[in-house]
């Protein structure tokens, strides 16, 4: 019995020694790591005491910005005035055998919107004529020009798919009526010599206005290509191939002529 107890005691000591050695090594390593950390902190604090505080960087002077012109230019662009029969019927006034047309009431709601505009434009879908019948197609009395001017419009875009409903003659009469009413027709022209880009100086700003129609309602302009500006190369068929070269050329021409703003 004594031999067995002595043997068991020896085994316990043998197992205990490595455990004690391992714990000692852990304590030693932790001590060395903590000491190194403390020395690093002490050195950093000492360096901070020795190193002088750098002088603050001078605040940079703000960059001078060029003075801007606070004046503004207001351009107003309205949508379509469509020459359907109802519009002209509402504007018709009969006095005995005399029939006149006054479109002022139809446009009176637009006047207040254009009051502050330096340049105002709208699109006229249809043709103007001195005589009817106005109950068919997209036709209106040329007396519309007085209402357009009185409302505040100066430019009238006439490049639409209904400007040739009455052929070239209808286009020319429309352009002539607008010219007689002191309005500028954009997109269609009274002659080949007058074909070109509209430009105007508005409050010292050069403004160019371009306009195109995607089609002509199936009417060919082969004999008079100058009469209307067309957006597509296949205007008689699919009306899908946009003539970008033509548009780019017009924009470049407007810019080369001094246009600050190009509107299409």
Protein backbone atom coordinates (compact mmCIF):
# COMPACT_ATOMS: atom_id res chain seq x y z
CA UNK A 1 0.00 0.00 0.00
CA UNK A 2 2.81 2.41 0.81
CA UNK A 3 4.54 1.64 -2.47
CA UNK A 4 1.38 2.49 -4.43
CA UNK A 5 0.92 5.83 -2.60
CA UNK A 6 4.56 6.80 -3.21
CA UNK A 7 4.24 5.97 -6.89
CA UNK A 8 1.04 8.02 -7.20
CA UNK A 9 2.70 10.99 -5.53
CA UNK A 10 5.59 10.85 -7.96
CA UNK A 11 3.18 10.86 -10.92
CA UNK A 12 1.39 13.95 -9.54
CA UNK A 13 4.70 15.83 -9.21
CA UNK A 14 5.69 14.88 -12.74
CA UNK A 15 2.42 16.31 -14.11
CA UNK A 16 2.52 19.40 -11.92
CA UNK A 17 6.01 20.56 -12.93
CA UNK A 18 5.19 21.25 -16.65
CA UNK A 19 2.06 23.11 -15.62
CA UNK A 20 4.02 25.37 -13.26
CA UNK A 21 6.67 26.01 -15.91
CA UNK A 22 3.99 26.91 -18.47
CA UNK A 23 2.30 29.38 -16.13
CA UNK A 24 5.65 30.96 -15.37
CA UNK A 25 6.38 31.45 -19.04
CA UNK A 26 2.96 33.10 -19.62
CA UNK A 27 3.53 35.49 -16.73
CA UNK A 28 7.01 36.32 -18.04
CA UNK A 29 5.77 37.04 -21.57
CA UNK A 30 2.92 39.25 -20.29
CA UNK A 31 5.34 41.16 -18.06
CA UNK A 32 7.70 41.81 -20.97
CA UNK A 33 4.83 42.93 -23.27
CA UNK A 34 3.39 45.30 -20.66
CA UNK A 35 6.83 46.74 -19.95
CA UNK A 36 7.47 47.36 -23.67
CA UNK A 37 4.09 49.07 -24.02
CA UNK A 38 4.76 51.27 -21.00
CA UNK A 39 8.17 52.26 -22.34
CA UNK A 40 6.59 53.18 -25.73
CA UNK A 41 3.96 55.36 -24.05
CA UNK A 42 6.62 57.05 -21.90
CA UNK A 43 8.74 57.77 -24.97
CA UNK A 44 5.76 59.21 -26.87
CA UNK A 45 4.85 61.49 -23.96
CA UNK A 46 8.45 62.68 -23.72
CA UNK A 47 8.56 63.40 -27.47
CA UNK A 48 5.33 65.36 -27.21
CA UNK A 49 6.83 67.54 -24.49
CA UNK A 50 9.95 68.23 -26.55
CA UNK A 51 8.29 68.80 -29.96
CA UNK A 52 6.90 72.37 -30.29
CA UNK A 53 3.30 72.86 -31.44
CA UNK A 54 3.31 73.80 -35.15
CA UNK A 55 2.02 77.23 -36.07
CA UNK A 56 -1.48 77.23 -37.63
CA UNK A 57 -1.64 77.40 -41.43
CA UNK A 58 -2.68 80.78 -42.74
CA UNK A 59 -6.25 80.87 -44.06
CA UNK A 60 -6.09 81.05 -47.87
CA UNK A 61 -7.55 84.15 -49.47
CA UNK A 62 -10.83 83.44 -51.31
CA UNK A 63 -10.57 83.25 -55.10
CA UNK A 64 -12.08 86.30 -56.72
CA UNK A 65 -15.10 85.31 -58.87
CA UNK A 66 -15.96 87.28 -62.01
CA UNK A 67 -18.96 89.53 -61.67
CA UNK A 68 -22.04 88.09 -63.33
CA UNK A 69 -24.71 90.01 -65.17
CA UNK A 70 -27.84 89.69 -63.08
CA UNK A 71 -30.07 90.58 -66.02
CA UNK A 72 -32.13 87.69 -67.39
CA UNK A 73 -33.68 86.91 -70.74
CA UNK A 74 -37.11 85.29 -70.72
CA UNK A 75 -38.10 83.14 -73.69
CA UNK A 76 -41.64 81.73 -73.81
CA UNK A 77 -42.66 78.82 -76.01
CA UNK A 78 -46.31 77.82 -76.22
CA UNK A 79 -47.78 74.70 -77.72
CA UNK A 80 -50.04 74.18 -80.72
CA UNK A 81 -52.80 76.41 -81.99
CA UNK A 82 -54.63 73.78 -84.00
CA UNK A 83 -56.80 75.02 -86.86
CA UNK A 84 -59.72 72.69 -86.29
CA UNK A 85 -63.19 73.97 -87.26
CA UNK A 86 -64.34 74.52 -83.69
CA UNK A 87 -61.75 77.20 -83.02
CA UNK A 88 -62.78 79.28 -86.01
CA UNK A 89 -66.49 78.75 -85.36
CA UNK A 90 -66.08 80.24 -81.89
CA UNK A 91 -64.24 83.22 -83.35
CA UNK A 92 -66.87 83.94 -86.02
CA UNK A 93 -68.97 87.12 -85.83
CA UNK A 94 -71.75 87.91 -88.31
CA UNK A 95 -73.10 91.40 -88.93
CA UNK A 96 -75.66 91.24 -91.72
CA UNK A 97 -73.80 89.92 -94.73
CA UNK A 98 -70.40 90.64 -93.20
CA UNK A 99 -68.54 87.81 -91.47
CA UNK A 100 -65.42 88.55 -89.42
CA UNK A 101 -63.22 86.48 -87.17
CA UNK A 102 -61.80 87.59 -83.85
CA UNK A 103 -59.72 85.00 -81.98
CA UNK A 104 -58.89 87.30 -79.07
CA UNK A 105 -61.22 85.58 -76.65
CA UNK A 106 -59.80 82.17 -77.48
CA UNK A 107 -56.30 83.37 -76.60
CA UNK A 108 -57.01 85.72 -73.70
CA UNK A 109 -55.94 83.15 -71.10
CA UNK A 110 -52.43 83.13 -72.55
CA UNK A 111 -51.73 86.86 -72.38
CA UNK A 112 -50.83 86.94 -68.69
CA UNK A 113 -48.28 84.15 -69.19
CA UNK A 114 -46.47 86.13 -71.88
CA UNK A 115 -46.40 89.50 -70.10
CA UNK A 116 -42.82 89.14 -68.91
CA UNK A 117 -41.48 87.32 -71.97
CA UNK A 118 -38.82 89.06 -74.03
CA UNK A 119 -39.49 86.70 -76.92
CA UNK A 120 -42.56 84.50 -77.30
CA UNK A 121 -43.34 81.79 -79.86
CA UNK A 122 -46.10 79.30 -80.56
CA UNK A 123 -46.87 76.66 -83.17
CA UNK A 124 -49.62 77.14 -85.74
CA UNK A 125 -50.95 73.82 -86.99
CA UNK A 126 -52.75 74.58 -90.22
CA UNK A 127 -52.95 77.35 -92.81
CA UNK A 128 -54.25 80.90 -92.94
CA UNK A 129 -56.45 82.27 -95.69
CA UNK A 130 -58.51 85.36 -96.51
CA UNK A 131 -61.48 83.24 -97.41
CA UNK A 132 -63.05 79.94 -96.36
CA UNK A 133 -64.42 77.48 -96.15
CA UNK A 134 -62.95 77.24 -92.65
CA UNK A 135 -65.17 74.34 -91.69
CA UNK A 136 -62.92 71.85 -93.45
CA UNK A 137 -59.41 70.71 -92.64
CA UNK A 138 -56.94 72.75 -90.65
CA UNK A 139 -57.75 76.20 -92.00
CA UNK A 140 -58.14 79.50 -90.17
CA UNK A 141 -58.85 83.07 -91.10
CA UNK A 142 -55.80 85.29 -91.58
CA UNK A 143 -57.44 87.57 -89.00
CA UNK A 144 -55.87 85.24 -86.44
CA UNK A 145 -52.63 87.19 -86.83
CA UNK A 146 -54.08 90.21 -84.98
CA UNK A 147 -54.98 88.06 -81.99
CA UNK A 148 -51.57 86.37 -82.00
CA UNK A 149 -49.74 89.69 -81.99
CA UNK A 150 -52.11 91.16 -79.42
CA UNK A 151 -51.56 88.20 -77.14
CA UNK A 152 -47.82 88.80 -77.15
CA UNK A 153 -46.44 86.35 -79.69
CA UNK A 154 -43.71 87.41 -82.10
CA UNK A 155 -42.59 84.10 -83.61
CA UNK A 156 -44.95 81.59 -85.18
CA UNK A 157 -43.65 78.12 -85.93
CA UNK A 158 -45.43 76.94 -89.09
CA UNK A 159 -43.31 73.88 -89.88
CA UNK A 160 -45.96 71.22 -89.25
CA UNK A 161 -47.49 68.28 -91.08
CA UNK A 162 -50.52 70.43 -92.04
CA UNK A 163 -48.78 73.47 -93.55
CA UNK A 164 -49.10 71.93 -97.04
CA UNK A 165 -52.74 70.85 -96.74
CA UNK A 166 -53.49 73.43 -99.45
CA UNK A 167 -50.22 72.83 -101.27
CA UNK A 168 -47.45 75.33 -101.74
CA UNK A 169 -50.01 78.09 -102.37
CA UNK A 170 -51.48 77.58 -98.89
CA UNK A 171 -48.03 77.70 -97.32
CA UNK A 172 -47.17 80.93 -99.11
CA UNK A 173 -50.47 82.59 -98.15
CA UNK A 174 -49.88 81.64 -94.52
CA UNK A 175 -46.36 83.07 -94.52
CA UNK A 176 -47.57 86.25 -96.23
CA UNK A 177 -50.42 86.68 -93.73
CA UNK A 178 -48.04 86.38 -90.80
CA UNK A 179 -45.62 88.82 -92.41
CA UNK A 180 -48.44 91.32 -92.98
CA UNK A 181 -49.39 90.94 -89.31
CA UNK A 182 -45.83 91.83 -88.18
CA UNK A 183 -45.17 88.25 -87.11
CA UNK A 184 -42.18 86.12 -88.03
CA UNK A 185 -42.82 82.71 -89.54
CA UNK A 186 -40.33 80.07 -88.39
CA UNK A 187 -39.73 76.88 -90.35
CA UNK A 188 -41.44 77.95 -93.60
CA UNK A 189 -40.43 80.60 -96.11
CA UNK A 190 -42.03 82.83 -98.71
CA UNK A 191 -39.17 82.42 -101.17
CA UNK A 192 -35.89 80.62 -101.67
CA UNK A 193 -34.02 83.86 -101.02
CA UNK A 194 -35.61 84.19 -97.58
CA UNK A 195 -34.72 80.68 -96.49
CA UNK A 196 -32.35 80.75 -93.52
CA UNK A 197 -31.97 80.71 -89.75
CA UNK A 198 -33.95 83.17 -87.67
CA UNK A 199 -31.77 85.17 -85.29
CA UNK A 200 -32.60 88.09 -83.03
CA UNK A 201 -30.80 90.14 -80.41
CA UNK A 202 -32.83 89.97 -77.21
CA UNK A 203 -31.54 92.18 -74.37
CA UNK A 204 -27.97 91.91 -75.69
CA UNK A 205 -28.30 88.13 -76.06
CA UNK A 206 -28.20 86.60 -79.54
CA UNK A 207 -30.97 84.03 -79.90
CA UNK A 208 -31.39 81.62 -82.81
CA UNK A 209 -34.61 79.65 -83.30
CA UNK A 210 -34.80 76.56 -85.50
CA UNK A 211 -37.89 74.54 -86.37
CA UNK A 212 -38.61 71.36 -88.32
CA UNK A 213 -41.58 69.20 -89.23
CA UNK A 214 -41.28 65.41 -89.29
CA UNK A 215 -43.53 65.19 -92.36
CA UNK A 216 -45.67 67.12 -94.83
CA UNK A 217 -48.87 65.11 -94.84
CA UNK A 218 -47.80 63.22 -97.94
CA UNK A 219 -47.05 66.31 -100.05
CA UNK A 220 -43.72 66.30 -101.87
CA UNK A 221 -41.52 69.41 -101.81
CA UNK A 222 -39.05 68.15 -104.40
CA UNK A 223 -39.76 71.14 -106.64
CA UNK A 224 -39.52 73.64 -103.77
CA UNK A 225 -37.32 72.17 -101.01
CA UNK A 226 -36.70 75.66 -99.62
CA UNK A 227 -40.32 76.19 -98.54
CA UNK A 228 -40.23 74.18 -95.30
CA UNK A 229 -37.60 72.75 -92.95
CA UNK A 230 -38.06 68.98 -92.64
CA UNK A 231 -36.68 66.81 -89.84
CA UNK A 232 -36.59 63.45 -91.62
CA UNK A 233 -35.00 62.22 -94.82
CA UNK A 234 -37.89 59.81 -95.46
CA UNK A 235 -40.69 62.34 -94.86
CA UNK A 236 -42.82 60.83 -97.63
CA UNK A 237 -42.66 57.27 -96.27
CA UNK A 238 -41.64 56.06 -92.81
CA UNK A 239 -40.70 59.45 -91.33
CA UNK A 240 -38.17 57.72 -89.10
CA UNK A 241 -34.73 58.64 -90.49
CA UNK A 242 -33.77 61.86 -88.74
CA UNK A 243 -31.51 64.14 -90.75
CA UNK A 244 -28.98 64.78 -87.99
CA UNK A 245 -26.41 66.18 -90.41
CA UNK A 246 -28.86 68.86 -91.45
CA UNK A 247 -29.67 69.77 -87.85
CA UNK A 248 -26.01 69.80 -86.78
CA UNK A 249 -25.17 72.00 -89.76
CA UNK A 250 -27.91 74.49 -88.84
CA UNK A 251 -26.77 74.62 -85.21
CA UNK A 252 -23.15 75.15 -86.28
CA UNK A 253 -24.24 77.93 -88.63
CA UNK A 254 -26.20 79.61 -85.84
CA UNK A 255 -23.22 79.41 -83.50
CA UNK A 256 -20.84 80.74 -86.12
CA UNK A 257 -23.20 83.69 -86.61
CA UNK A 258 -22.88 84.55 -82.93
CA UNK A 259 -25.84 82.78 -81.35
CA UNK A 260 -25.62 82.62 -77.55
CA UNK A 261 -28.76 80.51 -77.32
CA UNK A 262 -30.06 78.07 -79.91
CA UNK A 263 -33.68 76.97 -79.51
CA UNK A 264 -35.27 74.21 -81.58
